[in-house]
Amino acid sequence: MQGRDGIWRTPAQADGKGFPDLVLVRDRIVFAELKGHKYRKLEPEQIRWREDIEGAGGEYHLWYPEDRDKIIDVLR
């Protein structure tokens, strides 16, 4: 959901703070954190989620607007 300040936010409840923006499912599960031009660094909660997902063997990606070609390759 986009806030009044133009920043996109993903609603989270309970301990979901920092959970990746996207969970994409087809023949595998892809977790993706999306960052824009203004906020480029992961927050501590986002780092913990990345570590937990990768530690469990999950596929995690951190994507920026300029990563369009890389994103398309991953999703192909």
PDB file of N, CA and C in Angstrom:
ATOM      1  N   MET A   1       0.846  -1.158   0.000  1.00  0.00           N
ATOM      2  CA  MET A   1       0.000   0.000   0.000  1.00  0.00           C
ATOM      3  C   MET A   1       0.896   1.227   0.000  1.00  0.00           C
ATOM      4  N   GLN A   2       0.534   2.196  -0.788  1.00  0.00           N
ATOM      5  CA  GLN A   2       1.332   3.415  -0.880  1.00  0.00           C
ATOM      6  C   GLN A   2       0.778   4.444   0.102  1.00  0.00           C
ATOM      7  N   GLY A   3       1.680   4.980   0.934  1.00  0.00           N
ATOM      8  CA  GLY A   3       1.296   5.985   1.905  1.00  0.00           C
ATOM      9  C   GLY A   3       1.176   7.359   1.279  1.00  0.00           C
ATOM     10  N   ARG A   4       0.707   8.299   2.067  1.00  0.00           N
ATOM     11  CA  ARG A   4       0.543   9.667   1.583  1.00  0.00           C
ATOM     12  C   ARG A   4       1.859  10.305   1.153  1.00  0.00           C
ATOM     13  N   ASP A   5       2.959   9.816   1.728  1.00  0.00           N
ATOM     14  CA  ASP A   5       4.263  10.375   1.391  1.00  0.00           C
ATOM     15  C   ASP A   5       4.845   9.765   0.116  1.00  0.00           C
ATOM     16  N   GLY A   6       4.076   8.879  -0.531  1.00  0.00           N
ATOM     17  CA  GLY A   6       4.528   8.262  -1.773  1.00  0.00           C
ATOM     18  C   GLY A   6       5.378   7.022  -1.576  1.00  0.00           C
ATOM     19  N   ILE A   7       5.578   6.603  -0.339  1.00  0.00           N
ATOM     20  CA  ILE A   7       6.396   5.428  -0.043  1.00  0.00           C
ATOM     21  C   ILE A   7       5.488   4.210   0.066  1.00  0.00           C
ATOM     22  N   TRP A   8       5.900   3.119  -0.590  1.00  0.00           N
ATOM     23  CA  TRP A   8       5.121   1.889  -0.529  1.00  0.00           C
ATOM     24  C   TRP A   8       5.416   1.168   0.775  1.00  0.00           C
ATOM     25  N   ARG A   9       4.370   0.649   1.403  1.00  0.00           N
ATOM     26  CA  ARG A   9       4.507  -0.087   2.654  1.00  0.00           C
ATOM     27  C   ARG A   9       3.739  -1.399   2.557  1.00  0.00           C
ATOM     28  N   THR A  10       4.285  -2.429   3.174  1.00  0.00           N
ATOM     29  CA  THR A  10       3.622  -3.714   3.235  1.00  0.00           C
ATOM     30  C   THR A  10       3.087  -3.906   4.650  1.00  0.00           C
ATOM     31  N   PRO A  11       1.776  -4.123   4.797  1.00  0.00           N
ATOM     32  CA  PRO A  11       1.247  -4.323   6.150  1.00  0.00           C
ATOM     33  C   PRO A  11       1.841  -5.575   6.786  1.00  0.00           C
ATOM     34  N   ALA A  12       2.154  -5.500   8.046  1.00  0.00           N
ATOM     35  CA  ALA A  12       2.683  -6.652   8.781  1.00  0.00           C
ATOM     36  C   ALA A  12       2.069  -6.663  10.165  1.00  0.00           C
ATOM     37  N   GLN A  13       1.824  -7.854  10.670  1.00  0.00           N
ATOM     38  CA  GLN A  13       1.280  -8.008  12.007  1.00  0.00           C
ATOM     39  C   GLN A  13       2.202  -8.911  12.803  1.00  0.00           C
ATOM     40  N   ALA A  14       2.046  -8.876  14.129  1.00  0.00           N
ATOM     41  CA  ALA A  14       2.815  -9.722  15.049  1.00  0.00           C
ATOM     42  C   ALA A  14       4.305  -9.497  14.825  1.00  0.00           C
ATOM     43  N   ASP A  15       5.068 -10.579  14.597  1.00  0.00           N
ATOM     44  CA  ASP A  15       6.519 -10.439  14.431  1.00  0.00           C
ATOM     45  C   ASP A  15       6.898 -10.308  12.960  1.00  0.00           C
ATOM     46  N   GLY A  16       5.982  -9.866  12.115  1.00  0.00           N
ATOM     47  CA  GLY A  16       6.234  -9.768  10.686  1.00  0.00           C
ATOM     48  C   GLY A  16       7.019  -8.546  10.269  1.00  0.00           C
ATOM     49  N   LYS A  17       7.418  -7.703  11.211  1.00  0.00           N
ATOM     50  CA  LYS A  17       8.167  -6.503  10.839  1.00  0.00           C
ATOM     51  C   LYS A  17       9.435  -6.897  10.093  1.00  0.00           C
ATOM     52  N   GLY A  18       9.637  -6.283   8.947  1.00  0.00           N
ATOM     53  CA  GLY A  18      10.820  -6.564   8.149  1.00  0.00           C
ATOM     54  C   GLY A  18      10.671  -7.714   7.173  1.00  0.00           C
ATOM     55  N   PHE A  19       9.511  -8.392   7.181  1.00  0.00           N
ATOM     56  CA  PHE A  19       9.295  -9.514   6.261  1.00  0.00           C
ATOM     57  C   PHE A  19       9.384  -9.009   4.824  1.00  0.00           C
ATOM     58  N   PRO A  20       9.939  -9.811   3.907  1.00  0.00           N
ATOM     59  CA  PRO A  20      10.106  -9.377   2.517  1.00  0.00           C
ATOM     60  C   PRO A  20       8.800  -8.883   1.897  1.00  0.00           C
ATOM     61  N   ASP A  21       8.936  -7.969   0.948  1.00  0.00           N
ATOM     62  CA  ASP A  21       7.782  -7.378   0.282  1.00  0.00           C
ATOM     63  C   ASP A  21       7.008  -8.379  -0.569  1.00  0.00           C
ATOM     64  N   LEU A  22       7.727  -9.300  -1.199  1.00  0.00           N
ATOM     65  CA  LEU A  22       7.088 -10.260  -2.094  1.00  0.00           C
ATOM     66  C   LEU A  22       7.457 -11.686  -1.730  1.00  0.00           C
ATOM     67  N   VAL A  23       6.477 -12.572  -1.838  1.00  0.00           N
ATOM     68  CA  VAL A  23       6.704 -14.016  -1.787  1.00  0.00           C
ATOM     69  C   VAL A  23       6.057 -14.548  -3.060  1.00  0.00           C
ATOM     70  N   LEU A  24       6.892 -15.020  -3.969  1.00  0.00           N
ATOM     71  CA  LEU A  24       6.434 -15.456  -5.288  1.00  0.00           C
ATOM     72  C   LEU A  24       6.526 -16.983  -5.368  1.00  0.00           C
ATOM     73  N   VAL A  25       5.437 -17.621  -5.780  1.00  0.00           N
ATOM     74  CA  VAL A  25       5.379 -19.078  -5.790  1.00  0.00           C
ATOM     75  C   VAL A  25       4.984 -19.571  -7.178  1.00  0.00           C
ATOM     76  N   ARG A  26       5.789 -20.453  -7.699  1.00  0.00           N
ATOM     77  CA  ARG A  26       5.442 -21.179  -8.918  1.00  0.00           C
ATOM     78  C   ARG A  26       6.084 -22.540  -8.787  1.00  0.00           C
ATOM     79  N   ASP A  27       7.211 -22.766  -9.452  1.00  0.00           N
ATOM     80  CA  ASP A  27       7.905 -24.042  -9.291  1.00  0.00           C
ATOM     81  C   ASP A  27       8.903 -23.979  -8.139  1.00  0.00           C
ATOM     82  N   ARG A  28       9.027 -22.796  -7.539  1.00  0.00           N
ATOM     83  CA  ARG A  28       9.867 -22.588  -6.361  1.00  0.00           C
ATOM     84  C   ARG A  28       9.314 -21.373  -5.622  1.00  0.00           C
ATOM     85  N   ILE A  29       9.851 -21.109  -4.450  1.00  0.00           N
ATOM     86  CA  ILE A  29       9.417 -19.947  -3.679  1.00  0.00           C
ATOM     87  C   ILE A  29      10.537 -18.919  -3.677  1.00  0.00           C
ATOM     88  N   VAL A  30      10.220 -17.698  -4.078  1.00  0.00           N
ATOM     89  CA  VAL A  30      11.185 -16.604  -4.119  1.00  0.00           C
ATOM     90  C   VAL A  30      10.719 -15.513  -3.149  1.00  0.00           C
ATOM     91  N   PHE A  31      11.606 -15.141  -2.240  1.00  0.00           N
ATOM     92  CA  PHE A  31      11.359 -14.026  -1.331  1.00  0.00           C
ATOM     93  C   PHE A  31      12.124 -12.823  -1.870  1.00  0.00           C
ATOM     94  N   ALA A  32      11.448 -11.682  -1.981  1.00  0.00           N
ATOM     95  CA  ALA A  32      12.102 -10.502  -2.541  1.00  0.00           C
ATOM     96  C   ALA A  32      11.815  -9.271  -1.695  1.00  0.00           C
ATOM     97  N   GLU A  33      12.872  -8.566  -1.361  1.00  0.00           N
ATOM     98  CA  GLU A  33      12.768  -7.258  -0.704  1.00  0.00           C
ATOM     99  C   GLU A  33      12.995  -6.214  -1.783  1.00  0.00           C
ATOM    100  N   LEU A  34      12.102  -5.242  -1.854  1.00  0.00           N
ATOM    101  CA  LEU A  34      12.182  -4.203  -2.879  1.00  0.00           C
ATOM    102  C   LEU A  34      12.612  -2.896  -2.244  1.00  0.00           C
ATOM    103  N   LYS A  35      13.640  -2.297  -2.800  1.00  0.00           N
ATOM    104  CA  LYS A  35      14.125  -1.014  -2.307  1.00  0.00           C
ATOM    105  C   LYS A  35      14.080   0.007  -3.432  1.00  0.00           C
ATOM    106  N   GLY A  36      13.794   1.237  -3.075  1.00  0.00           N
ATOM    107  CA  GLY A  36      13.741   2.306  -4.056  1.00  0.00           C
ATOM    108  C   GLY A  36      15.006   3.121  -4.036  1.00  0.00           C
ATOM    109  N   HIS A  37      14.937   4.267  -4.649  1.00  0.00           N
ATOM    110  CA  HIS A  37      16.108   5.138  -4.723  1.00  0.00           C
ATOM    111  C   HIS A  37      16.402   5.821  -3.385  1.00  0.00           C
ATOM    112  N   LYS A  38      15.356   6.055  -2.596  1.00  0.00           N
ATOM    113  CA  LYS A  38      15.534   6.797  -1.355  1.00  0.00           C
ATOM    114  C   LYS A  38      16.053   5.918  -0.208  1.00  0.00           C
ATOM    115  N   TYR A  39      15.441   4.749  -0.034  1.00  0.00           N
ATOM    116  CA  TYR A  39      15.830   3.848   1.054  1.00  0.00           C
ATOM    117  C   TYR A  39      16.514   2.635   0.456  1.00  0.00           C
ATOM    118  N   ARG A  40      17.849   2.603   0.523  1.00  0.00           N
ATOM    119  CA  ARG A  40      18.600   1.553  -0.158  1.00  0.00           C
ATOM    120  C   ARG A  40      19.156   0.497   0.774  1.00  0.00           C
ATOM    121  N   LYS A  41      19.167   0.778   2.067  1.00  0.00           N
ATOM    122  CA  LYS A  41      19.737  -0.175   3.023  1.00  0.00           C
ATOM    123  C   LYS A  41      18.646  -0.989   3.704  1.00  0.00           C
ATOM    124  N   LEU A  42      19.006  -2.212   4.063  1.00  0.00           N
ATOM    125  CA  LEU A  42      18.087  -3.046   4.821  1.00  0.00           C
ATOM    126  C   LEU A  42      18.055  -2.597   6.278  1.00  0.00           C
ATOM    127  N   GLU A  43      16.879  -2.626   6.858  1.00  0.00           N
ATOM    128  CA  GLU A  43      16.719  -2.373   8.283  1.00  0.00           C
ATOM    129  C   GLU A  43      17.142  -3.631   9.039  1.00  0.00           C
ATOM    130  N   PRO A  44      17.477  -3.514  10.335  1.00  0.00           N
ATOM    131  CA  PRO A  44      17.902  -4.701  11.091  1.00  0.00           C
ATOM    132  C   PRO A  44      16.900  -5.860  11.026  1.00  0.00           C
ATOM    133  N   GLU A  45      15.605  -5.565  11.079  1.00  0.00           N
ATOM    134  CA  GLU A  45      14.598  -6.635  11.008  1.00  0.00           C
ATOM    135  C   GLU A  45      14.617  -7.310   9.642  1.00  0.00           C
ATOM    136  N   GLN A  46      14.886  -6.542   8.597  1.00  0.00           N
ATOM    137  CA  GLN A  46      14.968  -7.109   7.254  1.00  0.00           C
ATOM    138  C   GLN A  46      16.194  -8.003   7.112  1.00  0.00           C
ATOM    139  N   ILE A  47      17.276  -7.604   7.744  1.00  0.00           N
ATOM    140  CA  ILE A  47      18.490  -8.425   7.724  1.00  0.00           C
ATOM    141  C   ILE A  47      18.237  -9.753   8.436  1.00  0.00           C
ATOM    142  N   ARG A  48      17.546  -9.696   9.565  1.00  0.00           N
ATOM    143  CA  ARG A  48      17.235 -10.945  10.291  1.00  0.00           C
ATOM    144  C   ARG A  48      16.375 -11.874   9.442  1.00  0.00           C
ATOM    145  N   TRP A  49      15.366 -11.323   8.778  1.00  0.00           N
ATOM    146  CA  TRP A  49      14.532 -12.163   7.917  1.00  0.00           C
ATOM    147  C   TRP A  49      15.367 -12.772   6.791  1.00  0.00           C
ATOM    148  N   ARG A  50      16.225 -11.958   6.164  1.00  0.00           N
ATOM    149  CA  ARG A  50      17.078 -12.487   5.089  1.00  0.00           C
ATOM    150  C   ARG A  50      17.926 -13.649   5.603  1.00  0.00           C
ATOM    151  N   GLU A  51      18.548 -13.463   6.752  1.00  0.00           N
ATOM    152  CA  GLU A  51      19.388 -14.509   7.333  1.00  0.00           C
ATOM    153  C   GLU A  51      18.584 -15.768   7.650  1.00  0.00           C
ATOM    154  N   ASP A  52      17.382 -15.592   8.198  1.00  0.00           N
ATOM    155  CA  ASP A  52      16.544 -16.749   8.526  1.00  0.00           C
ATOM    156  C   ASP A  52      16.091 -17.481   7.267  1.00  0.00           C
ATOM    157  N   ILE A  53      15.681 -16.725   6.251  1.00  0.00           N
ATOM    158  CA  ILE A  53      15.226 -17.342   5.005  1.00  0.00           C
ATOM    159  C   ILE A  53      16.371 -18.091   4.330  1.00  0.00           C
ATOM    160  N   GLU A  54      17.516 -17.435   4.192  1.00  0.00           N
ATOM    161  CA  GLU A  54      18.666 -18.092   3.555  1.00  0.00           C
ATOM    162  C   GLU A  54      19.169 -19.258   4.403  1.00  0.00           C
ATOM    163  N   GLY A  55      19.139 -19.110   5.719  1.00  0.00           N
ATOM    164  CA  GLY A  55      19.572 -20.188   6.606  1.00  0.00           C
ATOM    165  C   GLY A  55      18.704 -21.424   6.488  1.00  0.00           C
ATOM    166  N   ALA A  56      17.441 -21.229   6.117  1.00  0.00           N
ATOM    167  CA  ALA A  56      16.515 -22.344   5.928  1.00  0.00           C
ATOM    168  C   ALA A  56      16.535 -22.862   4.484  1.00  0.00           C
ATOM    169  N   GLY A  57      17.457 -22.324   3.672  1.00  0.00           N
ATOM    170  CA  GLY A  57      17.577 -22.772   2.290  1.00  0.00           C
ATOM    171  C   GLY A  57      16.668 -22.033   1.323  1.00  0.00           C
ATOM    172  N   GLY A  58      16.083 -20.924   1.765  1.00  0.00           N
ATOM    173  CA  GLY A  58      15.187 -20.150   0.912  1.00  0.00           C
ATOM    174  C   GLY A  58      15.938 -19.298  -0.093  1.00  0.00           C
ATOM    175  N   GLU A  59      15.233 -18.917  -1.132  1.00  0.00           N
ATOM    176  CA  GLU A  59      15.790 -18.061  -2.188  1.00  0.00           C
ATOM    177  C   GLU A  59      15.376 -16.617  -1.897  1.00  0.00           C
ATOM    178  N   TYR A  60      16.331 -15.798  -1.555  1.00  0.00           N
ATOM    179  CA  TYR A  60      16.071 -14.410  -1.152  1.00  0.00           C
ATOM    180  C   TYR A  60      16.774 -13.464  -2.116  1.00  0.00           C
ATOM    181  N   HIS A  61      16.074 -12.403  -2.488  1.00  0.00           N
ATOM    182  CA  HIS A  61      16.658 -11.403  -3.379  1.00  0.00           C
ATOM    183  C   HIS A  61      16.383 -10.010  -2.842  1.00  0.00           C
ATOM    184  N   LEU A  62      17.336  -9.135  -3.018  1.00  0.00           N
ATOM    185  CA  LEU A  62      17.193  -7.715  -2.711  1.00  0.00           C
ATOM    186  C   LEU A  62      17.244  -6.986  -4.046  1.00  0.00           C
ATOM    187  N   TRP A  63      16.133  -6.340  -4.417  1.00  0.00           N
ATOM    188  CA  TRP A  63      16.026  -5.740  -5.736  1.00  0.00           C
ATOM    189  C   TRP A  63      15.818  -4.237  -5.652  1.00  0.00           C
ATOM    190  N   TYR A  64      16.455  -3.538  -6.590  1.00  0.00           N
ATOM    191  CA  TYR A  64      16.342  -2.093  -6.752  1.00  0.00           C
ATOM    192  C   TYR A  64      15.727  -1.819  -8.130  1.00  0.00           C
ATOM    193  N   PRO A  65      15.200  -0.619  -8.367  1.00  0.00           N
ATOM    194  CA  PRO A  65      14.590  -0.327  -9.671  1.00  0.00           C
ATOM    195  C   PRO A  65      15.508  -0.628 -10.863  1.00  0.00           C
ATOM    196  N   GLU A  66      16.786  -0.402 -10.688  1.00  0.00           N
ATOM    197  CA  GLU A  66      17.708  -0.627 -11.810  1.00  0.00           C
ATOM    198  C   GLU A  66      18.015  -2.108 -12.050  1.00  0.00           C
ATOM    199  N   ASP A  67      17.456  -3.006 -11.256  1.00  0.00           N
ATOM    200  CA  ASP A  67      17.700  -4.448 -11.388  1.00  0.00           C
ATOM    201  C   ASP A  67      16.706  -5.140 -12.311  1.00  0.00           C
ATOM    202  N   ARG A  68      16.003  -4.393 -13.128  1.00  0.00           N
ATOM    203  CA  ARG A  68      14.931  -4.958 -13.955  1.00  0.00           C
ATOM    204  C   ARG A  68      15.375  -6.206 -14.726  1.00  0.00           C
ATOM    205  N   ASP A  69      16.505  -6.155 -15.403  1.00  0.00           N
ATOM    206  CA  ASP A  69      16.971  -7.302 -16.192  1.00  0.00           C
ATOM    207  C   ASP A  69      17.274  -8.500 -15.296  1.00  0.00           C
ATOM    208  N   LYS A  70      17.890  -8.237 -14.154  1.00  0.00           N
ATOM    209  CA  LYS A  70      18.198  -9.321 -13.208  1.00  0.00           C
ATOM    210  C   LYS A  70      16.906  -9.951 -12.683  1.00  0.00           C
ATOM    211  N   ILE A  71      15.917  -9.133 -12.385  1.00  0.00           N
ATOM    212  CA  ILE A  71      14.627  -9.614 -11.880  1.00  0.00           C
ATOM    213  C   ILE A  71      13.973 -10.513 -12.928  1.00  0.00           C
ATOM    214  N   ILE A  72      13.980 -10.072 -14.177  1.00  0.00           N
ATOM    215  CA  ILE A  72      13.386 -10.865 -15.248  1.00  0.00           C
ATOM    216  C   ILE A  72      14.090 -12.206 -15.369  1.00  0.00           C
ATOM    217  N   ASP A  73      15.417 -12.237 -15.268  1.00  0.00           N
ATOM    218  CA  ASP A  73      16.170 -13.493 -15.340  1.00  0.00           C
ATOM    219  C   ASP A  73      15.785 -14.436 -14.202  1.00  0.00           C
ATOM    220  N   VAL A  74      15.667 -13.905 -13.003  1.00  0.00           N
ATOM    221  CA  VAL A  74      15.309 -14.728 -11.844  1.00  0.00           C
ATOM    222  C   VAL A  74      13.913 -15.329 -12.018  1.00  0.00           C
ATOM    223  N   LEU A  75      12.997 -14.537 -12.528  1.00  0.00           N
ATOM    224  CA  LEU A  75      11.607 -14.978 -12.627  1.00  0.00           C
ATOM    225  C   LEU A  75      11.308 -15.802 -13.865  1.00  0.00           C
ATOM    226  N   ARG A  76      12.259 -15.908 -14.767  1.00  0.00           N
ATOM    227  CA  ARG A  76      12.053 -16.672 -16.002  1.00  0.00           C
ATOM    228  C   ARG A  76      11.910 -18.144 -15.737  1.00  0.00           C
TER     229      ARG A  76
END
